[in-house]
PDB file of all heavy atoms in Angstrom:
ATOM      1  N   LEU A   1      82.076  75.621 -69.513  1.00  0.00           N
ATOM      2  CA  LEU A   1      80.738  76.166 -69.497  1.00  0.00           C
ATOM      3  C   LEU A   1      80.100  76.074 -70.903  1.00  0.00           C
ATOM      4  O   LEU A   1      78.907  75.757 -71.025  1.00  0.00           O
ATOM      5  CB  LEU A   1      80.780  77.608 -69.047  1.00  0.00           C
ATOM      6  CG  LEU A   1      79.456  78.393 -69.076  1.00  0.00           C
ATOM      7  CD1 LEU A   1      78.439  77.761 -68.135  1.00  0.00           C
ATOM      8  CD2 LEU A   1      79.703  79.863 -68.655  1.00  0.00           C
ATOM      9  N   GLN A   2      80.879  76.313 -71.942  1.00  0.00           N
ATOM     10  CA  GLN A   2      80.356  76.280 -73.302  1.00  0.00           C
ATOM     11  C   GLN A   2      79.820  74.877 -73.640  1.00  0.00           C
ATOM     12  O   GLN A   2      78.693  74.724 -74.176  1.00  0.00           O
ATOM     13  CB  GLN A   2      81.438  76.674 -74.278  1.00  0.00           C
ATOM     14  CG  GLN A   2      81.006  76.711 -75.743  1.00  0.00           C
ATOM     15  CD  GLN A   2      80.165  77.877 -76.092  1.00  0.00           C
ATOM     16  OE1 GLN A   2      79.735  78.653 -75.237  1.00  0.00           O
ATOM     17  NE2 GLN A   2      79.890  78.085 -77.379  1.00  0.00           N
ATOM     18  N   THR A   3      80.586  73.831 -73.302  1.00  0.00           N
ATOM     19  CA  THR A   3      80.144  72.498 -73.592  1.00  0.00           C
ATOM     20  C   THR A   3      78.895  72.143 -72.758  1.00  0.00           C
ATOM     21  O   THR A   3      77.958  71.480 -73.252  1.00  0.00           O
ATOM     22  CB  THR A   3      81.265  71.455 -73.305  1.00  0.00           C
ATOM     23  OG1 THR A   3      82.286  71.609 -74.293  1.00  0.00           O
ATOM     24  CG2 THR A   3      80.742  70.041 -73.308  1.00  0.00           C
ATOM     25  N   ALA A   4      78.869  72.543 -71.485  1.00  0.00           N
ATOM     26  CA  ALA A   4      77.695  72.263 -70.654  1.00  0.00           C
ATOM     27  C   ALA A   4      76.415  72.891 -71.235  1.00  0.00           C
ATOM     28  O   ALA A   4      75.357  72.262 -71.239  1.00  0.00           O
ATOM     29  CB  ALA A   4      77.941  72.734 -69.227  1.00  0.00           C
ATOM     30  N   MET A   5      76.544  74.113 -71.716  1.00  0.00           N
ATOM     31  CA  MET A   5      75.383  74.796 -72.276  1.00  0.00           C
ATOM     32  C   MET A   5      74.938  74.151 -73.589  1.00  0.00           C
ATOM     33  O   MET A   5      73.747  73.946 -73.821  1.00  0.00           O
ATOM     34  CB  MET A   5      75.712  76.284 -72.507  1.00  0.00           C
ATOM     35  CG  MET A   5      75.947  77.085 -71.231  1.00  0.00           C
ATOM     36  SD  MET A   5      76.100  78.856 -71.492  1.00  0.00           S
ATOM     37  CE  MET A   5      77.537  78.924 -72.586  1.00  0.00           C
ATOM     38  N   LEU A   6      75.904  73.814 -74.429  1.00  0.00           N
ATOM     39  CA  LEU A   6      75.551  73.147 -75.688  1.00  0.00           C
ATOM     40  C   LEU A   6      74.886  71.797 -75.423  1.00  0.00           C
ATOM     41  O   LEU A   6      73.951  71.389 -76.116  1.00  0.00           O
ATOM     42  CB  LEU A   6      76.807  72.960 -76.536  1.00  0.00           C
ATOM     43  CG  LEU A   6      77.434  74.221 -77.115  1.00  0.00           C
ATOM     44  CD1 LEU A   6      78.797  73.921 -77.743  1.00  0.00           C
ATOM     45  CD2 LEU A   6      76.506  74.847 -78.120  1.00  0.00           C
ATOM     46  N   GLY A   7      75.368  71.093 -74.379  1.00  0.00           N
ATOM     47  CA  GLY A   7      74.816  69.797 -74.057  1.00  0.00           C
ATOM     48  C   GLY A   7      73.353  69.848 -73.643  1.00  0.00           C
ATOM     49  O   GLY A   7      72.578  68.957 -73.952  1.00  0.00           O
ATOM     50  N   VAL A   8      72.964  70.922 -72.954  1.00  0.00           N
ATOM     51  CA  VAL A   8      71.561  71.061 -72.517  1.00  0.00           C
ATOM     52  C   VAL A   8      70.614  71.034 -73.726  1.00  0.00           C
ATOM     53  O   VAL A   8      69.552  70.449 -73.665  1.00  0.00           O
ATOM     54  CB  VAL A   8      71.394  72.399 -71.714  1.00  0.00           C
ATOM     55  CG1 VAL A   8      69.913  72.741 -71.584  1.00  0.00           C
ATOM     56  CG2 VAL A   8      72.031  72.261 -70.358  1.00  0.00           C
ATOM     57  N   PHE A   9      71.040  71.655 -74.830  1.00  0.00           N
ATOM     58  CA  PHE A   9      70.140  71.812 -75.978  1.00  0.00           C
ATOM     59  C   PHE A   9      70.080  70.562 -76.887  1.00  0.00           C
ATOM     60  O   PHE A   9      69.148  70.433 -77.698  1.00  0.00           O
ATOM     61  CB  PHE A   9      70.518  73.033 -76.777  1.00  0.00           C
ATOM     62  CG  PHE A   9      70.376  74.312 -76.051  1.00  0.00           C
ATOM     63  CD1 PHE A   9      71.446  75.201 -75.908  1.00  0.00           C
ATOM     64  CD2 PHE A   9      69.184  74.667 -75.448  1.00  0.00           C
ATOM     65  CE1 PHE A   9      71.326  76.396 -75.214  1.00  0.00           C
ATOM     66  CE2 PHE A   9      69.025  75.832 -74.736  1.00  0.00           C
ATOM     67  CZ  PHE A   9      70.089  76.688 -74.632  1.00  0.00           C
ATOM     68  N   ILE A  10      71.077  69.675 -76.811  1.00  0.00           N
ATOM     69  CA  ILE A  10      71.037  68.518 -77.694  1.00  0.00           C
ATOM     70  C   ILE A  10      70.519  67.240 -77.007  1.00  0.00           C
ATOM     71  O   ILE A  10      70.202  66.278 -77.674  1.00  0.00           O
ATOM     72  CB  ILE A  10      72.410  68.230 -78.316  1.00  0.00           C
ATOM     73  CG1 ILE A  10      73.420  67.767 -77.271  1.00  0.00           C
ATOM     74  CG2 ILE A  10      72.925  69.420 -79.098  1.00  0.00           C
ATOM     75  CD1 ILE A  10      74.718  67.219 -77.854  1.00  0.00           C
ATOM     76  N   THR A  11      70.443  67.249 -75.696  1.00  0.00           N
ATOM     77  CA  THR A  11      70.105  65.988 -74.985  1.00  0.00           C
ATOM     78  C   THR A  11      68.633  65.661 -75.184  1.00  0.00           C
ATOM     79  O   THR A  11      67.776  66.539 -75.195  1.00  0.00           O
ATOM     80  CB  THR A  11      70.439  66.100 -73.507  1.00  0.00           C
ATOM     81  OG1 THR A  11      70.122  64.868 -72.872  1.00  0.00           O
ATOM     82  CG2 THR A  11      69.636  67.201 -72.840  1.00  0.00           C
ATOM     83  N   GLN A  12      68.373  64.351 -75.311  1.00  0.00           N
ATOM     84  CA  GLN A  12      67.018  63.839 -75.453  1.00  0.00           C
ATOM     85  C   GLN A  12      66.706  62.819 -74.351  1.00  0.00           C
ATOM     86  O   GLN A  12      65.813  61.974 -74.504  1.00  0.00           O
ATOM     87  CB  GLN A  12      66.820  63.154 -76.846  1.00  0.00           C
ATOM     88  CG  GLN A  12      66.997  64.113 -78.013  1.00  0.00           C
ATOM     89  CD  GLN A  12      65.941  65.197 -78.032  1.00  0.00           C
ATOM     90  OE1 GLN A  12      64.752  64.915 -77.801  1.00  0.00           O
ATOM     91  NE2 GLN A  12      66.329  66.418 -78.321  1.00  0.00           N
ATOM     92  N   ASP A  13      67.418  62.916 -73.250  1.00  0.00           N
ATOM     93  CA  ASP A  13      67.231  62.033 -72.094  1.00  0.00           C
ATOM     94  C   ASP A  13      67.162  62.945 -70.850  1.00  0.00           C
ATOM     95  O   ASP A  13      68.019  63.826 -70.668  1.00  0.00           O
ATOM     96  CB  ASP A  13      68.393  61.070 -72.000  1.00  0.00           C
ATOM     97  CG  ASP A  13      68.226  60.089 -70.859  1.00  0.00           C
ATOM     98  OD1 ASP A  13      68.630  60.425 -69.722  1.00  0.00           O
ATOM     99  OD2 ASP A  13      67.694  58.991 -71.089  1.00  0.00           O
ATOM    100  N   MET A  14      66.183  62.718 -70.001  1.00  0.00           N
ATOM    101  CA  MET A  14      65.988  63.594 -68.866  1.00  0.00           C
ATOM    102  C   MET A  14      67.154  63.521 -67.867  1.00  0.00           C
ATOM    103  O   MET A  14      67.512  64.532 -67.269  1.00  0.00           O
ATOM    104  CB  MET A  14      64.665  63.217 -68.144  1.00  0.00           C
ATOM    105  CG  MET A  14      63.445  63.450 -68.962  1.00  0.00           C
ATOM    106  SD  MET A  14      63.103  65.174 -69.337  1.00  0.00           S
ATOM    107  CE  MET A  14      62.543  65.767 -67.764  1.00  0.00           C
ATOM    108  N   PHE A  15      67.698  62.357 -67.680  1.00  0.00           N
ATOM    109  CA  PHE A  15      68.843  62.185 -66.766  1.00  0.00           C
ATOM    110  C   PHE A  15      70.041  62.972 -67.310  1.00  0.00           C
ATOM    111  O   PHE A  15      70.722  63.696 -66.565  1.00  0.00           O
ATOM    112  CB  PHE A  15      69.195  60.703 -66.608  1.00  0.00           C
ATOM    113  CG  PHE A  15      70.281  60.411 -65.602  1.00  0.00           C
ATOM    114  CD1 PHE A  15      69.936  60.141 -64.276  1.00  0.00           C
ATOM    115  CD2 PHE A  15      71.611  60.416 -65.944  1.00  0.00           C
ATOM    116  CE1 PHE A  15      70.919  59.884 -63.339  1.00  0.00           C
ATOM    117  CE2 PHE A  15      72.604  60.152 -65.029  1.00  0.00           C
ATOM    118  CZ  PHE A  15      72.253  59.883 -63.699  1.00  0.00           C
ATOM    119  N   LEU A  16      70.299  62.824 -68.602  1.00  0.00           N
ATOM    120  CA  LEU A  16      71.422  63.511 -69.235  1.00  0.00           C
ATOM    121  C   LEU A  16      71.195  65.022 -69.202  1.00  0.00           C
ATOM    122  O   LEU A  16      72.130  65.809 -68.973  1.00  0.00           O
ATOM    123  CB  LEU A  16      71.603  63.017 -70.652  1.00  0.00           C
ATOM    124  CG  LEU A  16      72.815  63.486 -71.431  1.00  0.00           C
ATOM    125  CD1 LEU A  16      74.116  63.051 -70.736  1.00  0.00           C
ATOM    126  CD2 LEU A  16      72.785  62.965 -72.865  1.00  0.00           C
ATOM    127  N   PHE A  17      69.933  65.454 -69.446  1.00  0.00           N
ATOM    128  CA  PHE A  17      69.616  66.847 -69.364  1.00  0.00           C
ATOM    129  C   PHE A  17      69.955  67.446 -68.002  1.00  0.00           C
ATOM    130  O   PHE A  17      70.576  68.469 -67.873  1.00  0.00           O
ATOM    131  CB  PHE A  17      68.155  67.053 -69.699  1.00  0.00           C
ATOM    132  CG  PHE A  17      67.604  68.420 -69.348  1.00  0.00           C
ATOM    133  CD1 PHE A  17      67.829  69.505 -70.215  1.00  0.00           C
ATOM    134  CD2 PHE A  17      66.958  68.652 -68.169  1.00  0.00           C
ATOM    135  CE1 PHE A  17      67.351  70.765 -69.902  1.00  0.00           C
ATOM    136  CE2 PHE A  17      66.492  69.912 -67.840  1.00  0.00           C
ATOM    137  CZ  PHE A  17      66.700  70.985 -68.714  1.00  0.00           C
ATOM    138  N   TYR A  18      69.515  66.712 -66.959  1.00  0.00           N
ATOM    139  CA  TYR A  18      69.737  67.208 -65.592  1.00  0.00           C
ATOM    140  C   TYR A  18      71.244  67.263 -65.291  1.00  0.00           C
ATOM    141  O   TYR A  18      71.705  68.180 -64.607  1.00  0.00           O
ATOM    142  CB  TYR A  18      69.030  66.280 -64.606  1.00  0.00           C
ATOM    143  CG  TYR A  18      69.030  66.861 -63.202  1.00  0.00           C
ATOM    144  CD1 TYR A  18      68.130  67.851 -62.829  1.00  0.00           C
ATOM    145  CD2 TYR A  18      69.941  66.436 -62.239  1.00  0.00           C
ATOM    146  CE1 TYR A  18      68.111  68.373 -61.587  1.00  0.00           C
ATOM    147  CE2 TYR A  18      69.936  66.945 -60.961  1.00  0.00           C
ATOM    148  CZ  TYR A  18      69.011  67.923 -60.629  1.00  0.00           C
ATOM    149  OH  TYR A  18      69.022  68.443 -59.358  1.00  0.00           O
ATOM    150  N   LEU A  19      72.008  66.323 -65.831  1.00  0.00           N
ATOM    151  CA  LEU A  19      73.444  66.329 -65.618  1.00  0.00           C
ATOM    152  C   LEU A  19      74.087  67.583 -66.225  1.00  0.00           C
ATOM    153  O   LEU A  19      74.868  68.272 -65.545  1.00  0.00           O
ATOM    154  CB  LEU A  19      74.067  65.057 -66.247  1.00  0.00           C
ATOM    155  CG  LEU A  19      75.568  64.916 -66.120  1.00  0.00           C
ATOM    156  CD1 LEU A  19      76.000  64.739 -64.678  1.00  0.00           C
ATOM    157  CD2 LEU A  19      76.053  63.714 -66.918  1.00  0.00           C
ATOM    158  N   PHE A  20      73.760  67.878 -67.474  1.00  0.00           N
ATOM    159  CA  PHE A  20      74.300  69.106 -68.113  1.00  0.00           C
ATOM    160  C   PHE A  20      73.799  70.327 -67.393  1.00  0.00           C
ATOM    161  O   PHE A  20      74.562  71.297 -67.223  1.00  0.00           O
ATOM    162  CB  PHE A  20      73.869  69.136 -69.598  1.00  0.00           C
ATOM    163  CG  PHE A  20      74.708  68.315 -70.501  1.00  0.00           C
ATOM    164  CD1 PHE A  20      74.147  67.270 -71.223  1.00  0.00           C
ATOM    165  CD2 PHE A  20      76.073  68.534 -70.636  1.00  0.00           C
ATOM    166  CE1 PHE A  20      74.925  66.503 -72.102  1.00  0.00           C
ATOM    167  CE2 PHE A  20      76.862  67.781 -71.483  1.00  0.00           C
ATOM    168  CZ  PHE A  20      76.285  66.759 -72.202  1.00  0.00           C
ATOM    169  N   TRP A  21      72.536  70.338 -66.960  1.00  0.00           N
ATOM    170  CA  TRP A  21      71.929  71.485 -66.274  1.00  0.00           C
ATOM    171  C   TRP A  21      72.734  71.822 -64.990  1.00  0.00           C
ATOM    172  O   TRP A  21      72.999  72.976 -64.708  1.00  0.00           O
ATOM    173  CB  TRP A  21      70.490  71.165 -65.954  1.00  0.00           C
ATOM    174  CG  TRP A  21      69.701  72.194 -65.289  1.00  0.00           C
ATOM    175  CD1 TRP A  21      69.644  72.445 -63.921  1.00  0.00           C
ATOM    176  CD2 TRP A  21      68.831  73.156 -65.853  1.00  0.00           C
ATOM    177  NE1 TRP A  21      68.805  73.472 -63.641  1.00  0.00           N
ATOM    178  CE2 TRP A  21      68.270  73.940 -64.817  1.00  0.00           C
ATOM    179  CE3 TRP A  21      68.425  73.453 -67.156  1.00  0.00           C
ATOM    180  CZ2 TRP A  21      67.377  74.946 -65.069  1.00  0.00           C
ATOM    181  CZ3 TRP A  21      67.532  74.459 -67.397  1.00  0.00           C
ATOM    182  CH2 TRP A  21      67.008  75.219 -66.354  1.00  0.00           C
ATOM    183  N   GLU A  22      73.122  70.793 -64.260  1.00  0.00           N
ATOM    184  CA  GLU A  22      73.855  71.015 -63.022  1.00  0.00           C
ATOM    185  C   GLU A  22      75.309  71.374 -63.255  1.00  0.00           C
ATOM    186  O   GLU A  22      75.879  72.258 -62.591  1.00  0.00           O
ATOM    187  CB  GLU A  22      73.770  69.775 -62.136  1.00  0.00           C
ATOM    188  CG  GLU A  22      72.397  69.530 -61.554  1.00  0.00           C
ATOM    189  CD  GLU A  22      71.974  70.634 -60.603  1.00  0.00           C
ATOM    190  OE1 GLU A  22      72.407  70.613 -59.449  1.00  0.00           O
ATOM    191  OE2 GLU A  22      71.240  71.552 -61.049  1.00  0.00           O
ATOM    192  N   VAL A  23      75.949  70.699 -64.227  1.00  0.00           N
ATOM    193  CA  VAL A  23      77.333  70.977 -64.516  1.00  0.00           C
ATOM    194  C   VAL A  23      77.508  72.432 -64.968  1.00  0.00           C
ATOM    195  O   VAL A  23      78.513  73.107 -64.633  1.00  0.00           O
ATOM    196  CB  VAL A  23      77.864  70.023 -65.636  1.00  0.00           C
ATOM    197  CG1 VAL A  23      79.236  70.465 -66.142  1.00  0.00           C
ATOM    198  CG2 VAL A  23      77.956  68.596 -65.071  1.00  0.00           C
ATOM    199  N   MET A  24      76.525  72.961 -65.679  1.00  0.00           N
ATOM    200  CA  MET A  24      76.601  74.339 -66.149  1.00  0.00           C
ATOM    201  C   MET A  24      76.714  75.342 -65.030  1.00  0.00           C
ATOM    202  O   MET A  24      77.325  76.412 -65.204  1.00  0.00           O
ATOM    203  CB  MET A  24      75.310  74.570 -66.949  1.00  0.00           C
ATOM    204  CG  MET A  24      75.053  75.964 -67.473  1.00  0.00           C
ATOM    205  SD  MET A  24      73.500  75.967 -68.378  1.00  0.00           S
ATOM    206  CE  MET A  24      72.354  75.539 -67.040  1.00  0.00           C
ATOM    207  N   LEU A  25      76.201  75.003 -63.882  1.00  0.00           N
ATOM    208  CA  LEU A  25      76.189  75.950 -62.741  1.00  0.00           C
ATOM    209  C   LEU A  25      77.582  76.156 -62.160  1.00  0.00           C
ATOM    210  O   LEU A  25      77.907  77.255 -61.676  1.00  0.00           O
ATOM    211  CB  LEU A  25      75.231  75.429 -61.679  1.00  0.00           C
ATOM    212  CG  LEU A  25      75.076  76.270 -60.374  1.00  0.00           C
ATOM    213  CD1 LEU A  25      74.567  77.634 -60.709  1.00  0.00           C
ATOM    214  CD2 LEU A  25      74.141  75.518 -59.423  1.00  0.00           C
ATOM    215  N   VAL A  26      78.415  75.114 -62.194  1.00  0.00           N
ATOM    216  CA  VAL A  26      79.728  75.162 -61.542  1.00  0.00           C
ATOM    217  C   VAL A  26      80.665  76.184 -62.201  1.00  0.00           C
ATOM    218  O   VAL A  26      81.237  77.034 -61.493  1.00  0.00           O
ATOM    219  CB  VAL A  26      80.364  73.757 -61.501  1.00  0.00           C
ATOM    220  CG1 VAL A  26      81.745  73.812 -60.855  1.00  0.00           C
ATOM    221  CG2 VAL A  26      79.447  72.776 -60.701  1.00  0.00           C
ATOM    222  N   PRO A  27      80.848  76.136 -63.530  1.00  0.00           N
ATOM    223  CA  PRO A  27      81.745  77.150 -64.121  1.00  0.00           C
ATOM    224  C   PRO A  27      81.275  78.598 -63.905  1.00  0.00           C
ATOM    225  O   PRO A  27      82.078  79.503 -63.649  1.00  0.00           O
ATOM    226  CB  PRO A  27      81.749  76.797 -65.615  1.00  0.00           C
ATOM    227  CG  PRO A  27      81.301  75.400 -65.693  1.00  0.00           C
ATOM    228  CD  PRO A  27      80.364  75.206 -64.533  1.00  0.00           C
ATOM    229  N   MET A  28      79.960  78.811 -63.991  1.00  0.00           N
ATOM    230  CA  MET A  28      79.433  80.152 -63.808  1.00  0.00           C
ATOM    231  C   MET A  28      79.692  80.630 -62.378  1.00  0.00           C
ATOM    232  O   MET A  28      79.988  81.813 -62.133  1.00  0.00           O
ATOM    233  CB  MET A  28      77.957  80.213 -64.161  1.00  0.00           C
ATOM    234  CG  MET A  28      77.341  81.630 -64.063  1.00  0.00           C
ATOM    235  SD  MET A  28      78.280  82.890 -64.990  1.00  0.00           S
ATOM    236  CE  MET A  28      77.910  82.410 -66.671  1.00  0.00           C
ATOM    237  N   TYR A  29      79.584  79.741 -61.425  1.00  0.00           N
ATOM    238  CA  TYR A  29      79.852  80.073 -60.022  1.00  0.00           C
ATOM    239  C   TYR A  29      81.304  80.566 -59.862  1.00  0.00           C
ATOM    240  O   TYR A  29      81.552  81.605 -59.225  1.00  0.00           O
ATOM    241  CB  TYR A  29      79.627  78.878 -59.121  1.00  0.00           C
ATOM    242  CG  TYR A  29      80.075  79.091 -57.690  1.00  0.00           C
ATOM    243  CD1 TYR A  29      79.247  79.697 -56.773  1.00  0.00           C
ATOM    244  CD2 TYR A  29      81.320  78.620 -57.273  1.00  0.00           C
ATOM    245  CE1 TYR A  29      79.667  79.906 -55.460  1.00  0.00           C
ATOM    246  CE2 TYR A  29      81.743  78.816 -55.955  1.00  0.00           C
ATOM    247  CZ  TYR A  29      80.924  79.461 -55.058  1.00  0.00           C
ATOM    248  OH  TYR A  29      81.332  79.649 -53.751  1.00  0.00           O
ATOM    249  N   PHE A  30      82.246  79.886 -60.479  1.00  0.00           N
ATOM    250  CA  PHE A  30      83.655  80.277 -60.369  1.00  0.00           C
ATOM    251  C   PHE A  30      83.932  81.529 -61.169  1.00  0.00           C
ATOM    252  O   PHE A  30      84.762  82.375 -60.762  1.00  0.00           O
ATOM    253  CB  PHE A  30      84.563  79.135 -60.780  1.00  0.00           C
ATOM    254  CG  PHE A  30      84.657  78.043 -59.769  1.00  0.00           C
ATOM    255  CD1 PHE A  30      84.129  76.792 -60.026  1.00  0.00           C
ATOM    256  CD2 PHE A  30      85.261  78.268 -58.524  1.00  0.00           C
ATOM    257  CE1 PHE A  30      84.218  75.763 -59.057  1.00  0.00           C
ATOM    258  CE2 PHE A  30      85.347  77.270 -57.588  1.00  0.00           C
ATOM    259  CZ  PHE A  30      84.823  75.996 -57.859  1.00  0.00           C
ATOM    260  N   LEU A  31      83.339  81.680 -62.340  1.00  0.00           N
ATOM    261  CA  LEU A  31      83.569  82.890 -63.162  1.00  0.00           C
ATOM    262  C   LEU A  31      83.149  84.165 -62.425  1.00  0.00           C
ATOM    263  O   LEU A  31      83.845  85.197 -62.482  1.00  0.00           O
ATOM    264  CB  LEU A  31      82.808  82.769 -64.465  1.00  0.00           C
ATOM    265  CG  LEU A  31      83.350  81.770 -65.502  1.00  0.00           C
ATOM    266  CD1 LEU A  31      82.414  81.633 -66.690  1.00  0.00           C
ATOM    267  CD2 LEU A  31      84.744  82.194 -65.997  1.00  0.00           C
TER     268      LEU A  31
END
């Protein structure tokens, strides 16, 4: 989750942003 959140703030590509945005949801769901 930490890496997914950090990735959201450094990405400068919309596709990459959306990837981090979605990945972030999975760890929080399980936590």
